[in-house]
PDB file of N, CA and C in Angstrom:
ATOM      1  N   MET A   1      -0.399  29.226  16.091  1.00  0.00           N
ATOM      2  CA  MET A   1      -0.207  29.797  14.804  1.00  0.00           C
ATOM      3  C   MET A   1      -1.057  28.132  14.445  1.00  0.00           C
ATOM      4  N   SER A   2      -1.558  27.774  13.824  1.00  0.00           N
ATOM      5  CA  SER A   2      -1.914  26.245  13.013  1.00  0.00           C
ATOM      6  C   SER A   2      -1.213  26.474  11.836  1.00  0.00           C
ATOM      7  N   ALA A   3      -1.214  24.974  11.723  1.00  0.00           N
ATOM      8  CA  ALA A   3      -0.461  24.723  10.772  1.00  0.00           C
ATOM      9  C   ALA A   3      -0.830  25.357   9.017  1.00  0.00           C
ATOM     10  N   ALA A   4      -2.235  25.798   9.024  1.00  0.00           N
ATOM     11  CA  ALA A   4      -2.821  26.410   8.095  1.00  0.00           C
ATOM     12  C   ALA A   4      -2.518  27.478   7.707  1.00  0.00           C
ATOM     13  N   THR A   5      -1.715  28.016   8.645  1.00  0.00           N
ATOM     14  CA  THR A   5      -1.551  29.224   8.833  1.00  0.00           C
ATOM     15  C   THR A   5       0.396  29.688   8.877  1.00  0.00           C
ATOM     16  N   SER A   6       0.877  28.609   9.042  1.00  0.00           N
ATOM     17  CA  SER A   6       2.119  28.727   9.434  1.00  0.00           C
ATOM     18  C   SER A   6       2.697  29.142   8.081  1.00  0.00           C
ATOM     19  N   GLU A   7       4.109  29.881   7.652  1.00  0.00           N
ATOM     20  CA  GLU A   7       4.654  30.035   7.623  1.00  0.00           C
ATOM     21  C   GLU A   7       6.432  29.114   5.971  1.00  0.00           C
ATOM     22  N   GLY A   8       7.059  29.120   5.607  1.00  0.00           N
ATOM     23  CA  GLY A   8       8.130  28.634   5.410  1.00  0.00           C
ATOM     24  C   GLY A   8       7.253  27.417   4.112  1.00  0.00           C
ATOM     25  N   PRO A   9       8.476  26.659   4.244  1.00  0.00           N
ATOM     26  CA  PRO A   9       7.666  25.668   3.042  1.00  0.00           C
ATOM     27  C   PRO A   9       7.102  24.136   3.779  1.00  0.00           C
ATOM     28  N   PRO A  10       7.076  23.358   2.707  1.00  0.00           N
ATOM     29  CA  PRO A  10       5.730  22.303   3.429  1.00  0.00           C
ATOM     30  C   PRO A  10       6.723  21.259   4.261  1.00  0.00           C
ATOM     31  N   PRO A  11       6.136  20.293   4.840  1.00  0.00           N
ATOM     32  CA  PRO A  11       7.890  19.640   5.165  1.00  0.00           C
ATOM     33  C   PRO A  11       7.732  18.611   3.904  1.00  0.00           C
ATOM     34  N   LEU A  12       9.176  18.035   4.025  1.00  0.00           N
ATOM     35  CA  LEU A  12       9.571  17.136   3.063  1.00  0.00           C
ATOM     36  C   LEU A  12       8.803  15.798   3.252  1.00  0.00           C
ATOM     37  N   ASP A  13       8.389  14.962   2.232  1.00  0.00           N
ATOM     38  CA  ASP A  13       8.745  13.968   2.419  1.00  0.00           C
ATOM     39  C   ASP A  13       8.705  12.767   1.879  1.00  0.00           C
ATOM     40  N   GLU A  14      10.020  12.547   2.418  1.00  0.00           N
ATOM     41  CA  GLU A  14      11.430  11.369   2.594  1.00  0.00           C
ATOM     42  C   GLU A  14      10.971  10.733   1.329  1.00  0.00           C
ATOM     43  N   ALA A  15       9.954   9.529   1.358  1.00  0.00           N
ATOM     44  CA  ALA A  15       9.741   8.203   0.800  1.00  0.00           C
ATOM     45  C   ALA A  15       9.046   8.900  -0.248  1.00  0.00           C
ATOM     46  N   VAL A  16       8.746  10.293  -0.232  1.00  0.00           N
ATOM     47  CA  VAL A  16       8.506  10.864  -1.969  1.00  0.00           C
ATOM     48  C   VAL A  16       9.472  10.996  -2.910  1.00  0.00           C
ATOM     49  N   ALA A  17       9.736  11.330  -1.884  1.00  0.00           N
ATOM     50  CA  ALA A  17      11.707  12.232  -2.510  1.00  0.00           C
ATOM     51  C   ALA A  17      12.423  10.950  -3.582  1.00  0.00           C
ATOM     52  N   ILE A  18      12.467   9.719  -2.463  1.00  0.00           N
ATOM     53  CA  ILE A  18      13.316   9.023  -2.296  1.00  0.00           C
ATOM     54  C   ILE A  18      12.501   8.423  -3.771  1.00  0.00           C
ATOM     55  N   LEU A  19      11.300   7.785  -4.214  1.00  0.00           N
ATOM     56  CA  LEU A  19      10.701   7.127  -5.086  1.00  0.00           C
ATOM     57  C   LEU A  19      10.653   8.266  -6.802  1.00  0.00           C
ATOM     58  N   GLU A  20      10.939   9.439  -6.258  1.00  0.00           N
ATOM     59  CA  GLU A  20      11.040  10.505  -7.267  1.00  0.00           C
ATOM     60  C   GLU A  20      12.450  10.665  -8.162  1.00  0.00           C
ATOM     61  N   LEU A  21      13.549  10.332  -6.497  1.00  0.00           N
ATOM     62  CA  LEU A  21      14.825  10.182  -7.383  1.00  0.00           C
ATOM     63  C   LEU A  21      14.827   8.758  -8.392  1.00  0.00           C
ATOM     64  N   HIS A  22      14.215   7.615  -8.150  1.00  0.00           N
ATOM     65  CA  HIS A  22      14.060   6.205  -8.786  1.00  0.00           C
ATOM     66  C   HIS A  22      13.138   6.473  -9.835  1.00  0.00           C
ATOM     67  N   ASN A  23      12.583   7.407 -10.319  1.00  0.00           N
ATOM     68  CA  ASN A  23      11.259   7.549 -11.136  1.00  0.00           C
ATOM     69  C   ASN A  23      10.299   6.538 -11.120  1.00  0.00           C
ATOM     70  N   GLY A  24       9.989   6.653  -9.402  1.00  0.00           N
ATOM     71  CA  GLY A  24       8.521   5.759  -9.215  1.00  0.00           C
ATOM     72  C   GLY A  24       9.235   3.902  -9.303  1.00  0.00           C
ATOM     73  N   ASN A  25       9.966   3.860  -9.482  1.00  0.00           N
ATOM     74  CA  ASN A  25      10.695   2.337  -8.848  1.00  0.00           C
ATOM     75  C   ASN A  25      10.529   2.088  -8.066  1.00  0.00           C
ATOM     76  N   ALA A  26       9.410   1.542  -7.332  1.00  0.00           N
ATOM     77  CA  ALA A  26       9.885   1.422  -5.706  1.00  0.00           C
ATOM     78  C   ALA A  26      10.941   0.101  -5.312  1.00  0.00           C
ATOM     79  N   LEU A  27      11.041  -0.722  -6.223  1.00  0.00           N
ATOM     80  CA  LEU A  27      12.314  -2.106  -6.095  1.00  0.00           C
ATOM     81  C   LEU A  27      13.244  -1.327  -6.264  1.00  0.00           C
ATOM     82  N   GLU A  28      13.731  -0.252  -6.866  1.00  0.00           N
ATOM     83  CA  GLU A  28      14.770   0.624  -7.323  1.00  0.00           C
ATOM     84  C   GLU A  28      15.242   1.385  -5.792  1.00  0.00           C
ATOM     85  N   ALA A  29      14.440   1.702  -5.829  1.00  0.00           N
ATOM     86  CA  ALA A  29      14.459   2.332  -4.654  1.00  0.00           C
ATOM     87  C   ALA A  29      14.568   1.813  -3.027  1.00  0.00           C
ATOM     88  N   ILE A  30      14.140   0.505  -2.730  1.00  0.00           N
ATOM     89  CA  ILE A  30      14.161  -0.579  -1.802  1.00  0.00           C
ATOM     90  C   ILE A  30      15.969  -0.701  -2.012  1.00  0.00           C
ATOM     91  N   ARG A  31      16.146  -1.312  -3.072  1.00  0.00           N
ATOM     92  CA  ARG A  31      17.459  -1.398  -3.813  1.00  0.00           C
ATOM     93  C   ARG A  31      18.493  -0.529  -2.854  1.00  0.00           C
ATOM     94  N   SER A  32      17.760   0.364  -3.619  1.00  0.00           N
ATOM     95  CA  SER A  32      19.240   1.538  -2.616  1.00  0.00           C
ATOM     96  C   SER A  32      19.357   2.171  -1.627  1.00  0.00           C
ATOM     97  N   LEU A  33      18.146   2.136  -0.816  1.00  0.00           N
ATOM     98  CA  LEU A  33      18.346   1.969   0.465  1.00  0.00           C
ATOM     99  C   LEU A  33      18.769   1.264   1.484  1.00  0.00           C
ATOM    100  N   LEU A  34      18.718  -0.482   0.542  1.00  0.00           N
ATOM    101  CA  LEU A  34      19.634  -1.322   1.321  1.00  0.00           C
ATOM    102  C   LEU A  34      21.296  -1.604   1.472  1.00  0.00           C
ATOM    103  N   ALA A  35      21.437  -1.000  -0.249  1.00  0.00           N
ATOM    104  CA  ALA A  35      22.868  -0.898  -0.464  1.00  0.00           C
ATOM    105  C   ALA A  35      23.770   0.512   0.164  1.00  0.00           C
ATOM    106  N   GLU A  36      22.641   1.401   0.845  1.00  0.00           N
ATOM    107  CA  GLU A  36      23.421   2.104   1.656  1.00  0.00           C
ATOM    108  C   GLU A  36      22.853   1.535   2.786  1.00  0.00           C
ATOM    109  N   ARG A  37      22.225   1.344   3.495  1.00  0.00           N
ATOM    110  CA  ARG A  37      22.626   0.638   4.984  1.00  0.00           C
ATOM    111  C   ARG A  37      23.678  -0.121   5.016  1.00  0.00           C
ATOM    112  N   ASP A  38      23.942  -1.053   4.317  1.00  0.00           N
ATOM    113  CA  ASP A  38      24.948  -1.790   4.385  1.00  0.00           C
ATOM    114  C   ASP A  38      25.976  -1.323   4.460  1.00  0.00           C
ATOM    115  N   ALA A  39      26.626  -0.215   3.278  1.00  0.00           N
ATOM    116  CA  ALA A  39      27.779   1.276   3.504  1.00  0.00           C
ATOM    117  C   ALA A  39      27.863   1.397   4.948  1.00  0.00           C
ATOM    118  N   VAL A  40      26.580   2.305   5.106  1.00  0.00           N
ATOM    119  CA  VAL A  40      26.455   2.515   6.850  1.00  0.00           C
ATOM    120  C   VAL A  40      27.406   1.295   7.608  1.00  0.00           C
ATOM    121  N   GLU A  41      27.045   0.457   7.573  1.00  0.00           N
ATOM    122  CA  GLU A  41      27.185  -1.339   8.324  1.00  0.00           C
ATOM    123  C   GLU A  41      28.948  -1.195   8.439  1.00  0.00           C
ATOM    124  N   GLU A  42      29.103  -1.381   7.333  1.00  0.00           N
ATOM    125  CA  GLU A  42      30.760  -1.398   6.698  1.00  0.00           C
ATOM    126  C   GLU A  42      31.132  -0.373   7.626  1.00  0.00           C
ATOM    127  N   LYS A  43      30.579   0.747   7.943  1.00  0.00           N
ATOM    128  CA  LYS A  43      31.296   1.743   8.171  1.00  0.00           C
ATOM    129  C   LYS A  43      31.774   1.684   9.711  1.00  0.00           C
ATOM    130  N   LEU A  44      30.467   1.623   9.939  1.00  0.00           N
ATOM    131  CA  LEU A  44      30.431   1.348  11.340  1.00  0.00           C
ATOM    132  C   LEU A  44      31.575  -0.132  11.983  1.00  0.00           C
ATOM    133  N   ARG A  45      32.127  -1.108  11.302  1.00  0.00           N
ATOM    134  CA  ARG A  45      32.431  -2.136  11.791  1.00  0.00           C
ATOM    135  C   ARG A  45      33.713  -1.199  11.972  1.00  0.00           C
ATOM    136  N   ALA A  46      34.301  -0.774  10.908  1.00  0.00           N
ATOM    137  CA  ALA A  46      35.756  -0.233  10.698  1.00  0.00           C
ATOM    138  C   ALA A  46      35.813   0.999  12.054  1.00  0.00           C
ATOM    139  N   THR A  47      34.798   1.614  12.466  1.00  0.00           N
ATOM    140  CA  THR A  47      35.039   2.241  13.417  1.00  0.00           C
ATOM    141  C   THR A  47      35.278   1.878  14.638  1.00  0.00           C
ATOM    142  N   ALA A  48      34.346   0.822  14.382  1.00  0.00           N
ATOM    143  CA  ALA A  48      34.336  -0.113  16.117  1.00  0.00           C
ATOM    144  C   ALA A  48      35.639  -0.682  16.291  1.00  0.00           C
ATOM    145  N   ILE A  49      36.107  -1.157  15.014  1.00  0.00           N
ATOM    146  CA  ILE A  49      37.182  -2.147  15.200  1.00  0.00           C
ATOM    147  C   ILE A  49      38.765  -0.984  15.912  1.00  0.00           C
ATOM    148  N   ALA A  50      38.946   0.372  15.000  1.00  0.00           N
ATOM    149  CA  ALA A  50      39.317   2.048  15.549  1.00  0.00           C
ATOM    150  C   ALA A  50      39.299   2.375  16.733  1.00  0.00           C
ATOM    151  N   MET A  51      38.175   1.840  16.793  1.00  0.00           N
ATOM    152  CA  MET A  51      38.137   2.786  18.065  1.00  0.00           C
ATOM    153  C   MET A  51      38.419   1.791  19.547  1.00  0.00           C
ATOM    154  N   GLY A  52      38.603   2.675  20.505  1.00  0.00           N
ATOM    155  CA  GLY A  52      38.961   2.364  21.882  1.00  0.00           C
ATOM    156  C   GLY A  52      38.443   1.248  22.592  1.00  0.00           C
ATOM    157  N   HIS A  53      38.366   0.055  23.223  1.00  0.00           N
ATOM    158  CA  HIS A  53      37.661  -0.901  23.746  1.00  0.00           C
ATOM    159  C   HIS A  53      36.611  -0.045  24.694  1.00  0.00           C
ATOM    160  N   GLY A  54      37.375   0.240  25.163  1.00  0.00           N
ATOM    161  CA  GLY A  54      36.538   1.504  26.690  1.00  0.00           C
ATOM    162  C   GLY A  54      35.868   2.071  26.364  1.00  0.00           C
ATOM    163  N   PHE A  55      35.281   2.619  24.459  1.00  0.00           N
ATOM    164  CA  PHE A  55      34.339   3.902  24.917  1.00  0.00           C
ATOM    165  C   PHE A  55      33.628   2.970  24.171  1.00  0.00           C
ATOM    166  N   ASP A  56      33.360   2.375  23.381  1.00  0.00           N
ATOM    167  CA  ASP A  56      31.602   1.184  22.690  1.00  0.00           C
ATOM    168  C   ASP A  56      32.039   0.443  23.660  1.00  0.00           C
ATOM    169  N   ARG A  57      33.046  -0.340  24.858  1.00  0.00           N
ATOM    170  CA  ARG A  57      32.507  -1.591  25.345  1.00  0.00           C
ATOM    171  C   ARG A  57      30.611  -2.110  25.223  1.00  0.00           C
ATOM    172  N   GLY A  58      30.600  -2.911  25.079  1.00  0.00           N
ATOM    173  CA  GLY A  58      29.017  -3.728  25.375  1.00  0.00           C
ATOM    174  C   GLY A  58      28.161  -3.088  24.239  1.00  0.00           C
ATOM    175  N   TRP A  59      28.825  -2.067  23.299  1.00  0.00           N
ATOM    176  CA  TRP A  59      27.435  -1.260  22.379  1.00  0.00           C
ATOM    177  C   TRP A  59      27.223  -2.520  21.231  1.00  0.00           C
ATOM    178  N   ARG A  60      25.709  -2.563  20.746  1.00  0.00           N
ATOM    179  CA  ARG A  60      24.797  -3.564  19.849  1.00  0.00           C
ATOM    180  C   ARG A  60      24.111  -2.640  19.401  1.00  0.00           C
ATOM    181  N   THR A  61      23.870  -3.577  18.235  1.00  0.00           N
ATOM    182  CA  THR A  61      22.847  -2.397  17.452  1.00  0.00           C
ATOM    183  C   THR A  61      21.283  -3.198  17.314  1.00  0.00           C
ATOM    184  N   ARG A  62      20.098  -2.661  17.972  1.00  0.00           N
ATOM    185  CA  ARG A  62      19.001  -3.662  18.276  1.00  0.00           C
ATOM    186  C   ARG A  62      17.871  -4.494  17.061  1.00  0.00           C
ATOM    187  N   ARG A  63      19.245  -4.802  15.925  1.00  0.00           N
ATOM    188  CA  ARG A  63      18.888  -5.425  14.895  1.00  0.00           C
ATOM    189  C   ARG A  63      19.052  -6.485  14.811  1.00  0.00           C
ATOM    190  N   PRO A  64      18.960  -7.641  15.256  1.00  0.00           N
ATOM    191  CA  PRO A  64      18.915  -8.716  15.476  1.00  0.00           C
ATOM    192  C   PRO A  64      19.536  -9.556  13.484  1.00  0.00           C
ATOM    193  N   GLY A  65      20.524  -9.848  13.603  1.00  0.00           N
ATOM    194  CA  GLY A  65      21.133 -10.394  12.326  1.00  0.00           C
ATOM    195  C   GLY A  65      22.366  -9.177  11.979  1.00  0.00           C
ATOM    196  N   SER A  66      22.609  -7.991  12.356  1.00  0.00           N
ATOM    197  CA  SER A  66      23.546  -7.069  11.606  1.00  0.00           C
ATOM    198  C   SER A  66      24.407  -6.337  12.643  1.00  0.00           C
ATOM    199  N   PHE A  67      25.138  -5.804  12.567  1.00  0.00           N
ATOM    200  CA  PHE A  67      26.348  -5.664  12.787  1.00  0.00           C
ATOM    201  C   PHE A  67      26.472  -5.467  14.125  1.00  0.00           C
ATOM    202  N   THR A  68      27.580  -6.107  15.076  1.00  0.00           N
ATOM    203  CA  THR A  68      26.924  -6.013  16.415  1.00  0.00           C
ATOM    204  C   THR A  68      28.265  -5.583  17.114  1.00  0.00           C
ATOM    205  N   GLY A  69      28.722  -4.836  15.900  1.00  0.00           N
ATOM    206  CA  GLY A  69      30.142  -4.410  16.937  1.00  0.00           C
ATOM    207  C   GLY A  69      31.491  -4.874  17.708  1.00  0.00           C
ATOM    208  N   GLU A  70      32.053  -4.179  18.601  1.00  0.00           N
ATOM    209  CA  GLU A  70      33.629  -5.611  18.491  1.00  0.00           C
ATOM    210  C   GLU A  70      33.448  -4.188  20.315  1.00  0.00           C
ATOM    211  N   GLY A  71      33.608  -5.351  20.804  1.00  0.00           N
ATOM    212  CA  GLY A  71      33.364  -4.907  22.493  1.00  0.00           C
ATOM    213  C   GLY A  71      32.792  -5.638  23.328  1.00  0.00           C
TER     214      GLY A  71
END
């Protein structure tokens, strides 16, 4: 079955959807995404502190300068 004849909704372009949520303002969309990232990293910090060290020992994110976890 080819993509042209497949049934169902077209795939969602998340980048377009985010821009539409911000009325096409790319700068506000980027600011929103960065704020979301910061919130997730803060939750990861709290989770790493609350978890036992045996489960998360040695885990680190791959992005330099970001959250490094506990352990």
